Protein backbone atom coordinates (compact mmCIF):
# COMPACT_ATOMS: atom_id res chain seq x y z
CA VAL A 1 -16.84 -2.76 -2.46
CA LEU A 2 -14.45 -3.55 -5.31
CA VAL A 3 -11.50 -5.76 -4.30
CA TYR A 4 -8.58 -6.06 -6.73
CA MET A 5 -6.31 -8.96 -5.73
CA ALA A 6 -3.00 -9.01 -7.61
CA ALA A 7 -1.14 -12.23 -6.77
CA ASN A 8 0.67 -13.29 -9.93
CA ASN A 9 3.72 -13.56 -7.69
CA ASN A 10 4.57 -15.21 -4.36
CA LEU A 11 1.21 -14.20 -2.84
CA GLY A 12 -0.77 -16.80 -4.79
CA GLU A 13 -1.27 -19.25 -1.93
CA GLY A 14 -2.31 -16.38 0.30
CA LEU A 15 -4.88 -15.15 -2.17
CA LYS A 16 -6.51 -18.57 -2.27
CA GLY A 17 -6.61 -18.63 1.52
CA CYS A 18 -8.08 -15.13 1.64
CA LEU A 19 -10.79 -16.00 -0.86
CA LYS A 20 -11.74 -19.11 1.10
CA HIS A 21 -11.39 -18.05 4.71
CA GLN A 22 -11.90 -14.27 4.59
CA LEU A 23 -14.20 -13.33 1.70
CA GLY A 24 -15.80 -16.74 1.21
CA ASP A 25 -16.85 -16.92 4.85
CA LEU A 26 -18.70 -13.60 4.93
CA GLU A 27 -22.43 -13.16 5.54
CA PRO A 28 -23.06 -9.85 3.76
CA SER A 29 -26.26 -7.86 3.98
CA ASP A 30 -28.25 -7.11 0.85
CA ARG A 31 -27.21 -3.49 1.42
CA VAL A 32 -23.59 -4.13 0.40
CA THR A 33 -22.12 -5.77 -2.69
CA ILE A 34 -18.55 -7.07 -2.65
CA ALA A 35 -17.11 -7.78 -6.09
CA VAL A 36 -13.67 -9.30 -6.55
CA GLU A 37 -11.18 -9.53 -9.39
CA SER A 38 -8.46 -12.00 -8.44
CA SER A 39 -5.48 -13.39 -10.29
CA HIS A 40 -2.88 -15.81 -8.96
CA LEU A 41 -0.37 -18.45 -9.96
CA THR A 42 -1.84 -21.93 -9.63
CA GLN A 43 1.61 -23.36 -8.92
CA ILE A 44 4.22 -21.51 -6.87
CA GLY A 45 7.14 -20.52 -9.09
CA ASN A 46 5.46 -21.40 -12.40
CA THR A 47 4.90 -18.05 -14.11
CA HIS A 48 3.64 -19.34 -17.46
CA PRO A 49 0.45 -17.48 -18.51
CA ASP A 50 -1.41 -20.81 -18.75
CA ARG A 51 -0.73 -21.36 -15.05
CA VAL A 52 -2.70 -18.29 -13.96
CA SER A 53 -6.21 -18.34 -12.52
CA HIS A 54 -8.01 -15.05 -13.24
CA THR A 55 -11.63 -14.64 -12.17
CA ARG A 56 -14.34 -12.17 -11.31
CA SER A 57 -16.58 -13.10 -8.42
CA VAL A 58 -19.17 -11.67 -6.08
CA VAL A 59 -19.46 -12.46 -2.38
CA ALA A 60 -22.72 -14.17 -1.46
CA HIS A 61 -23.82 -15.76 1.83
CA LYS A 62 -20.78 -17.76 2.99
CA ARG A 63 -19.61 -18.42 -0.55
CA LEU A 64 -18.03 -16.80 -3.57
CA THR A 65 -20.05 -16.87 -6.77
CA GLU A 66 -17.79 -16.91 -9.81
CA LEU A 67 -19.15 -14.64 -12.52
CA GLU A 68 -16.44 -14.94 -15.13
CA LYS A 69 -13.21 -16.84 -15.72
CA MET A 70 -10.69 -15.08 -17.94
CA PRO A 71 -7.36 -15.84 -19.57
CA TYR A 72 -4.23 -14.25 -18.16
CA ARG A 73 -4.26 -10.47 -17.88
CA ASN A 74 -1.39 -8.39 -16.52
CA MET A 75 -2.58 -7.18 -13.10
CA ALA A 76 0.03 -4.39 -13.17
CA ASP A 77 -1.46 -3.01 -16.38
CA PRO A 78 -3.62 0.06 -15.66
CA ALA A 79 -6.05 -1.14 -18.34
CA THR A 80 -6.80 -4.30 -16.33
CA LEU A 81 -7.58 -2.32 -13.18
CA GLU A 82 -9.61 0.27 -15.09
CA ASP A 83 -11.69 -2.40 -16.81
CA PHE A 84 -12.56 -4.06 -13.50
CA LEU A 85 -13.46 -0.83 -11.72
CA VAL A 86 -15.63 0.50 -14.54
CA TRP A 87 -17.36 -2.88 -14.83
CA GLY A 88 -17.98 -3.10 -11.08
CA ILE A 89 -19.25 0.46 -10.72
CA LYS A 90 -21.68 0.10 -13.63
CA LYS A 91 -22.87 -3.39 -12.74
CA PHE A 92 -23.36 -2.65 -9.03
CA PRO A 93 -24.43 1.01 -8.65
CA ALA A 94 -24.19 2.16 -5.05
CA LYS A 95 -24.48 5.18 -2.79
CA ARG A 96 -20.78 4.87 -1.94
CA THR A 97 -17.89 2.88 -3.39
CA MET A 98 -14.84 1.46 -1.64
CA ILE A 99 -11.83 0.23 -3.61
CA VAL A 100 -9.42 -2.23 -2.01
CA LEU A 101 -6.07 -2.90 -3.70
CA GLN A 102 -4.41 -6.07 -2.44
CA GLY A 103 -0.89 -7.06 -3.46
CA HIS A 104 2.71 -6.09 -2.89
CA GLY A 105 3.15 -2.41 -2.05
CA ALA A 106 6.34 -0.37 -2.22
CA ALA A 107 5.47 3.16 -1.06
CA TRP A 108 5.87 5.64 -3.94
CA THR A 109 7.66 3.17 -6.24
CA PRO A 110 5.78 0.87 -8.67
CA THR A 111 3.39 -1.54 -6.95
CA LEU A 112 1.16 -4.58 -7.64
CA PRO A 113 3.96 -6.53 -9.39
CA ASP A 114 3.06 -9.24 -11.89
CA GLN A 115 5.78 -11.85 -12.46
CA VAL A 116 4.15 -13.28 -15.58
CA THR A 117 4.83 -10.13 -17.60
CA ARG A 118 8.58 -9.50 -17.82
CA ILE A 119 10.17 -6.11 -18.56
CA ASP A 120 13.67 -5.82 -20.05
CA ASP A 121 16.17 -2.97 -19.68
CA GLN A 122 14.66 -1.22 -22.71
CA GLY A 123 11.20 -1.28 -21.16
CA GLN A 124 9.89 -3.91 -23.57
CA ALA A 125 7.37 -6.41 -22.20
CA SER A 126 7.20 -10.14 -22.86
CA LEU A 127 5.42 -13.09 -21.27
CA SER A 128 7.27 -15.49 -19.03
CA PRO A 129 8.08 -18.89 -20.56
CA GLY A 130 7.32 -20.52 -17.21
CA GLY A 131 9.74 -21.47 -14.46
CA MET A 132 12.39 -18.89 -13.63
CA PRO A 133 15.92 -19.96 -14.63
CA ARG A 134 18.62 -20.16 -11.98
CA GLY A 135 19.87 -16.64 -11.36
CA GLY A 136 16.75 -15.08 -12.87
CA ASP A 137 16.01 -14.03 -16.43
CA GLY A 138 17.67 -10.62 -16.31
CA LYS A 139 14.28 -8.91 -16.44
CA ARG A 140 11.96 -7.41 -13.86
CA SER A 141 8.30 -8.01 -13.11
CA ALA A 142 5.76 -5.59 -14.50
CA ALA A 143 4.55 -3.15 -11.84
CA MET A 144 2.27 -0.11 -11.76
CA PRO A 145 3.91 3.31 -11.20
CA LEU A 146 2.04 5.57 -8.79
CA PRO A 147 1.24 8.25 -11.42
CA GLN A 148 -0.34 5.54 -13.58
CA LEU A 149 -2.49 4.40 -10.66
CA ARG A 150 -3.69 7.96 -10.13
CA ALA A 151 -4.39 8.41 -13.85
CA THR A 152 -6.33 5.14 -13.88
CA LEU A 153 -8.60 6.25 -11.05
CA GLU A 154 -9.10 9.59 -12.78
CA ARG A 155 -10.17 7.83 -15.99
CA VAL A 156 -12.58 5.65 -14.02
CA TYR A 157 -14.14 8.82 -12.61
CA GLU A 158 -14.40 10.34 -16.09
CA ARG A 159 -16.12 7.20 -17.42
CA THR A 160 -18.48 6.58 -14.49
CA GLY A 161 -18.83 9.81 -12.53
CA VAL A 162 -17.96 7.82 -9.40
CA MET A 163 -15.09 8.62 -7.07
CA PRO A 164 -14.29 6.09 -4.33
CA ALA A 165 -15.31 7.21 -0.87
CA VAL A 166 -12.53 4.99 0.50
CA LEU A 167 -9.35 3.77 -1.15
CA ALA A 168 -7.70 1.08 0.98
CA PHE A 169 -4.41 -0.69 0.44
CA ASP A 170 -4.10 -4.24 1.75
CA SER A 171 -0.39 -3.91 1.01
CA CYS A 172 2.88 -3.08 2.69
CA LEU A 173 4.35 0.43 2.88
CA MET A 174 1.58 2.43 1.18
CA GLY A 175 1.16 4.76 4.17
CA ASN A 176 3.48 7.27 2.55
CA ALA A 177 3.39 11.06 2.17
CA GLU A 178 4.11 10.85 -1.55
CA VAL A 179 1.27 8.35 -2.04
CA LEU A 180 -1.18 10.47 -0.03
CA HIS A 181 -0.36 13.59 -2.05
CA GLU A 182 -0.63 11.72 -5.37
CA LEU A 183 -4.00 10.12 -4.65
CA SER A 184 -5.75 12.62 -2.36
CA SER A 185 -7.67 14.22 -5.23
CA ILE A 186 -9.46 11.00 -6.19
CA THR A 187 -10.79 9.66 -2.87
CA GLU A 188 -12.21 10.96 0.40
CA VAL A 189 -10.30 8.63 2.72
CA LEU A 190 -7.04 6.74 2.19
CA ILE A 191 -6.26 3.70 4.36
CA ALA A 192 -2.77 2.20 4.35
CA SER A 193 0.05 0.72 6.41
CA GLU A 194 3.28 2.69 6.75
CA ASP A 195 5.31 -0.43 7.51
CA ARG A 196 5.22 -4.07 6.46
CA MET A 197 2.18 -6.26 6.91
CA HIS A 198 2.94 -9.77 8.13
CA SER A 199 1.51 -13.23 7.57
CA PRO A 200 2.33 -16.82 8.50
CA GLU A 201 5.01 -18.78 6.71
CA ARG A 202 4.30 -19.83 3.15
CA THR A 203 4.25 -23.56 3.95
CA ALA A 204 1.39 -23.27 6.43
CA GLU A 205 -1.87 -24.71 5.12
CA HIS A 206 -3.61 -21.34 5.40
CA SER A 207 -0.50 -19.28 4.68
CA LEU A 208 -1.00 -15.60 4.03
CA ASP A 209 -4.74 -15.86 4.56
CA TYR A 210 -4.84 -12.16 5.16
CA ALA A 211 -2.91 -9.11 6.16
CA ALA A 212 -5.81 -6.71 6.67
CA PRO A 213 -8.63 -8.73 8.31
CA LEU A 214 -11.11 -8.26 5.46
CA LYS A 215 -13.70 -10.63 6.90
CA THR A 216 -14.03 -8.61 10.10
CA ILE A 217 -13.88 -5.27 8.28
CA PHE A 218 -16.54 -6.10 5.70
CA GLN A 219 -18.80 -7.92 8.17
CA THR A 220 -18.76 -4.88 10.46
CA MET A 221 -19.68 -2.65 7.53
CA SER A 222 -22.47 -5.02 6.50
CA ASP A 223 -23.88 -5.21 10.02
CA ARG A 224 -23.92 -1.43 10.33
CA LEU A 225 -25.77 -1.10 7.03
CA GLU A 226 -28.25 -3.79 8.02
CA ALA A 227 -28.94 -1.83 11.22
CA GLY A 228 -29.81 1.22 9.13
CA GLU A 229 -26.69 3.24 9.87
CA ASP A 230 -25.24 5.72 7.40
CA VAL A 231 -21.76 4.24 6.99
CA THR A 232 -19.58 7.23 6.14
CA PRO A 233 -15.99 7.04 4.89
CA GLN A 234 -14.87 8.15 8.35
CA THR A 235 -16.84 5.28 9.92
CA CYS A 236 -15.19 2.83 7.54
CA ALA A 237 -11.79 4.24 8.43
CA GLY A 238 -12.38 3.86 12.15
CA ASP A 239 -13.68 0.31 11.81
CA TRP A 240 -10.86 -0.72 9.49
CA VAL A 241 -8.15 0.52 11.86
CA ALA A 242 -9.94 -0.87 14.93
CA SER A 243 -10.13 -4.30 13.27
CA ALA A 244 -6.44 -4.13 12.42
CA ARG A 245 -5.61 -3.35 16.04
CA ARG A 246 -6.89 -6.79 17.00
CA THR A 247 -4.64 -8.77 14.66
CA TRP A 248 -0.87 -9.20 14.54
CA THR A 249 -0.86 -9.20 10.73
CA THR A 250 -1.27 -5.43 10.68
CA PRO A 251 1.20 -4.07 13.26
CA THR A 252 0.48 -0.52 12.13
CA LEU A 253 -2.32 0.94 10.03
CA SER A 254 -3.70 4.45 9.53
CA ALA A 255 -6.44 6.36 7.74
CA PHE A 256 -6.21 9.87 6.31
CA ALA A 257 -8.77 12.54 5.39
CA CYS A 258 -7.80 13.48 1.86
CA ASP A 259 -9.39 16.93 2.00
CA LYS A 260 -6.76 17.78 4.64
CA ALA A 261 -3.85 16.41 2.61
CA PRO A 262 -3.17 19.58 0.56
CA ALA A 263 -2.58 21.59 3.75
CA LEU A 264 -0.18 18.90 4.98
CA SER A 265 1.73 19.03 1.70
CA GLN A 266 1.89 22.83 1.87
CA SER A 267 3.33 22.62 5.38
CA LEU A 268 5.98 20.13 4.22
CA ASP A 269 6.78 22.45 1.32
CA ALA A 270 7.38 25.27 3.80
CA LEU A 271 9.51 22.98 5.97
CA ALA A 272 11.62 21.85 3.02
CA GLU A 273 12.30 25.48 2.13
CA THR A 274 13.84 26.03 5.59
CA LEU A 275 16.02 22.92 5.25
CA LEU A 276 17.49 23.71 1.85
CA GLY A 277 21.18 24.54 1.95
CA ARG A 278 21.75 22.45 5.10
CA PRO A 279 22.17 18.87 3.81
CA GLU A 280 24.65 17.78 6.47
CA LEU A 281 22.34 18.87 9.28
CA VAL A 282 19.46 17.06 7.59
CA LYS A 283 21.59 13.90 7.40
CA LYS A 284 22.41 14.30 11.10
CA VAL A 285 18.69 14.32 11.91
CA LEU A 286 18.00 11.40 9.57
CA ALA A 287 20.60 9.30 11.39
CA ARG A 288 18.40 9.50 14.51
CA THR A 289 15.07 8.96 12.73
CA ARG A 290 13.14 5.70 12.46
CA HIS A 291 13.41 4.21 8.99
CA LEU A 292 11.76 1.16 7.47
CA GLY A 293 14.84 -0.63 6.18
CA GLY A 294 17.00 -3.38 7.55
CA GLU A 295 20.51 -3.16 8.89
CA GLY A 296 22.29 -4.96 6.05
CA SER A 297 25.84 -4.54 4.83
CA TYR A 298 24.86 -2.21 2.00
CA PRO A 299 22.25 0.20 3.41
CA GLU A 300 22.75 2.62 0.52
CA TYR A 301 21.09 0.03 -1.74
CA ASP A 302 18.15 -0.74 0.56
CA PRO A 303 15.15 1.20 -0.82
CA MET A 304 13.27 1.08 2.49
CA ARG A 305 16.31 2.40 4.37
CA HIS A 306 15.45 5.83 2.96
CA LEU A 307 11.77 5.80 3.95
CA TYR A 308 11.60 7.71 7.24
CA ASP A 309 8.68 7.99 9.64
CA LEU A 310 7.30 11.49 9.13
CA GLY A 311 6.20 12.07 12.72
CA HIS A 312 9.54 10.94 14.12
CA LEU A 313 11.38 13.11 11.60
CA LEU A 314 9.42 16.20 12.67
CA GLU A 315 10.13 15.48 16.34
CA ASN A 316 13.84 15.12 15.64
CA ILE A 317 13.94 18.39 13.70
CA LEU A 318 12.31 20.10 16.68
CA ALA A 319 14.91 18.52 18.98
CA GLU A 320 17.88 19.73 16.92
CA PRO A 321 19.12 23.16 18.17
CA SER A 322 21.08 23.77 14.98
CA LEU A 323 17.80 23.69 13.04
CA ALA A 324 16.04 26.34 15.14
CA ALA A 325 15.13 28.21 11.96
CA SER A 326 13.04 25.19 10.93
CA HIS A 327 11.21 24.70 14.22
CA GLN A 328 8.17 26.84 13.45
CA ALA A 329 7.65 25.09 10.12
CA ALA A 330 8.11 21.68 11.77
CA ARG A 331 5.50 22.49 14.42
CA ALA A 332 3.05 23.61 11.74
CA ALA A 333 3.69 20.42 9.76
CA ARG A 334 3.10 18.32 12.87
CA GLU A 335 -0.25 20.04 13.45
CA ARG A 336 -1.33 19.48 9.83
CA TYR A 337 -0.19 15.85 10.06
CA LEU A 338 -2.34 15.13 13.09
CA GLU A 339 -5.32 16.86 11.47
CA THR A 340 -4.97 14.70 8.36
CA ARG A 341 -4.60 11.40 10.23
CA ILE A 342 -8.11 10.44 11.35
CA ALA A 343 -7.38 6.94 12.66
CA HIS A 344 -4.16 5.22 13.65
CA GLN A 345 -2.94 2.12 15.44
CA ALA A 346 0.61 0.99 16.13
CA GLN A 347 1.16 -2.08 18.25
CA PRO A 348 4.10 -2.16 20.69
CA GLU A 349 5.27 -5.65 19.84
CA ILE A 350 3.97 -8.32 17.52
CA HIS A 351 4.82 -11.96 18.25
CA THR A 352 3.92 -14.00 15.20
CA VAL A 353 3.37 -17.70 15.79
CA TYR A 354 4.16 -20.04 12.91
CA HIS A 355 1.98 -23.14 12.78
CA PHE A 356 0.04 -25.46 10.50
CA SER A 357 -3.74 -25.37 10.04
CA TYR A 358 -4.21 -22.71 12.70
CA GLY A 359 -3.18 -25.38 15.20
CA THR A 360 -1.59 -24.99 18.59
CA GLU A 361 1.91 -26.22 17.81
CA ASP A 362 4.31 -23.29 17.66
CA LYS A 363 6.92 -23.50 14.93
CA GLY A 364 8.74 -20.31 15.82
CA ARG A 365 8.21 -16.70 16.75
CA LYS A 366 9.26 -13.37 15.34
CA SER A 367 8.85 -9.93 16.86
CA PHE A 368 7.90 -6.85 14.86
CA PRO A 369 7.82 -3.77 17.11
CA ALA A 370 5.76 -1.06 15.43
CA GLU A 371 4.90 1.38 18.22
CA THR A 372 7.21 4.07 16.84
CA THR A 373 5.35 4.39 13.56
CA THR A 374 3.06 7.40 13.29
CA GLY A 375 1.24 6.70 10.02
CA LEU A 376 3.22 8.07 7.08
CA SER A 377 6.70 7.61 5.74
CA VAL A 378 8.51 10.14 3.54
CA TRP A 379 11.46 9.55 1.21
CA ILE A 380 14.81 11.27 1.78
CA PRO A 381 17.71 9.27 0.30
CA ASP A 382 21.12 10.24 1.63
CA ASN A 383 23.10 9.10 -1.43
CA ALA A 384 22.84 9.15 -5.21
CA LYS A 385 23.23 5.37 -5.61
CA ILE A 386 19.73 4.56 -4.40
CA VAL A 387 18.24 7.28 -6.63
CA ALA A 388 19.95 5.75 -9.67
CA LEU A 389 18.87 2.26 -8.62
CA GLU A 390 15.22 3.30 -8.31
CA LYS A 391 15.31 4.93 -11.76
CA LYS A 392 16.70 1.71 -13.21
CA TYR A 393 13.55 -0.02 -12.00
CA ASP A 394 11.19 2.55 -13.50
CA ALA A 395 10.86 4.55 -10.27
CA ASP A 396 11.66 8.16 -11.11
CA TYR A 397 10.87 10.32 -8.08
CA ASN A 398 10.51 13.44 -10.18
CA THR A 399 7.49 12.01 -12.01
CA LEU A 400 5.46 12.24 -8.79
CA ARG A 401 3.25 15.18 -7.93
CA PHE A 402 4.76 15.62 -4.46
CA PRO A 403 8.25 16.71 -5.61
CA GLN A 404 6.68 18.68 -8.45
CA ASP A 405 4.23 20.57 -6.22
CA THR A 406 6.55 21.13 -3.24
CA SER A 407 10.20 21.84 -2.51
CA TRP A 408 10.67 18.29 -1.25
CA GLY A 409 12.10 17.26 -4.61
CA ARG A 410 14.79 19.92 -4.30
CA LEU A 411 15.53 18.74 -0.76
CA VAL A 412 15.85 15.13 -1.95
CA ALA A 413 18.23 16.18 -4.74
CA GLU A 414 20.34 18.21 -2.32
CA VAL A 415 20.57 15.61 0.46
CA SER A 416 21.21 12.72 -1.92
CA GLY A 417 23.65 14.61 -4.11
CA SER A 418 21.71 13.46 -7.15
């Protein structure tokens, strides 16, 4: 198991908690090796490279053994990820490999942001001088575009001959049709959350200890291996989702069989073909479909407002009489969707309790209903402003394989007017 923990951002305190209370408290069998590359800010808000802790470790019995301490490296740089994966695969040869990517996720847009490396409007990178000035520095954090992530995993395969049996995101929003299509050729099973993953408030002593309950997930895997079981990717998927079902930090989580993903994409291609030329009807359906955004004053600028639950979208197309010509394609897409999704959990209502030190004193509650998620989101912006905004931040939809390989890109252009 290779765990890549990118927390050169506001997740630094959480990473430390995860290392101590999740990974550092494991009792792994000799039949599994868990190697970790972690990087985090040692002081919240101080983004100077000298204030970064970057280490490689291996999980031993109830402790983390540090193998190497390194100077700052940009965790959003594909070269950093590639170096870790190649190192881990060669140093710890195994029958099967799982890769876990932990950090901020953003569906098909660039992920794993690193606030220490700053990018200006011309795409030039520079290192942060330290504390962020009031109003920001006019630059954005480095982040890894989805096509670069795919290319990185392909290079790792070329260099090692190893393809991950499981690719799991301990991140928000990565349960996304565009992500699944982009990455399905380089792993057997993809595990991700369609919606946000939640953690306690930052000021809690053990804040952000985990989103996905890695301790439970990895201990279950270790115990199965110790018992002599053949732990398949499908077994891992089932255990991962079952573990998530028992914690409020993962209100929804799903696993997908990547060998089924091409058929799902083909069915969505056929569906998009039937929807072309009918943008106003598509917008009518979208208005009734669950999206992942908030209800702010400027929804056209909310990137998540245009991520729609795929299952709910298909149901609403089937319920729209004016789209009768699309019903057969929508039914076929729904069938392919359910065949691809091999494990899924969506909790009806999550009541998070804010407290210190895992104590009993409640400091507040928030509810995150997730029962209407079905596993994957899909992007259909209804205006050109959000398309232009995403491009400004190095998120060009047309660079993805999904709009290139299907008619969904044409549908997006038509509905958004872009």
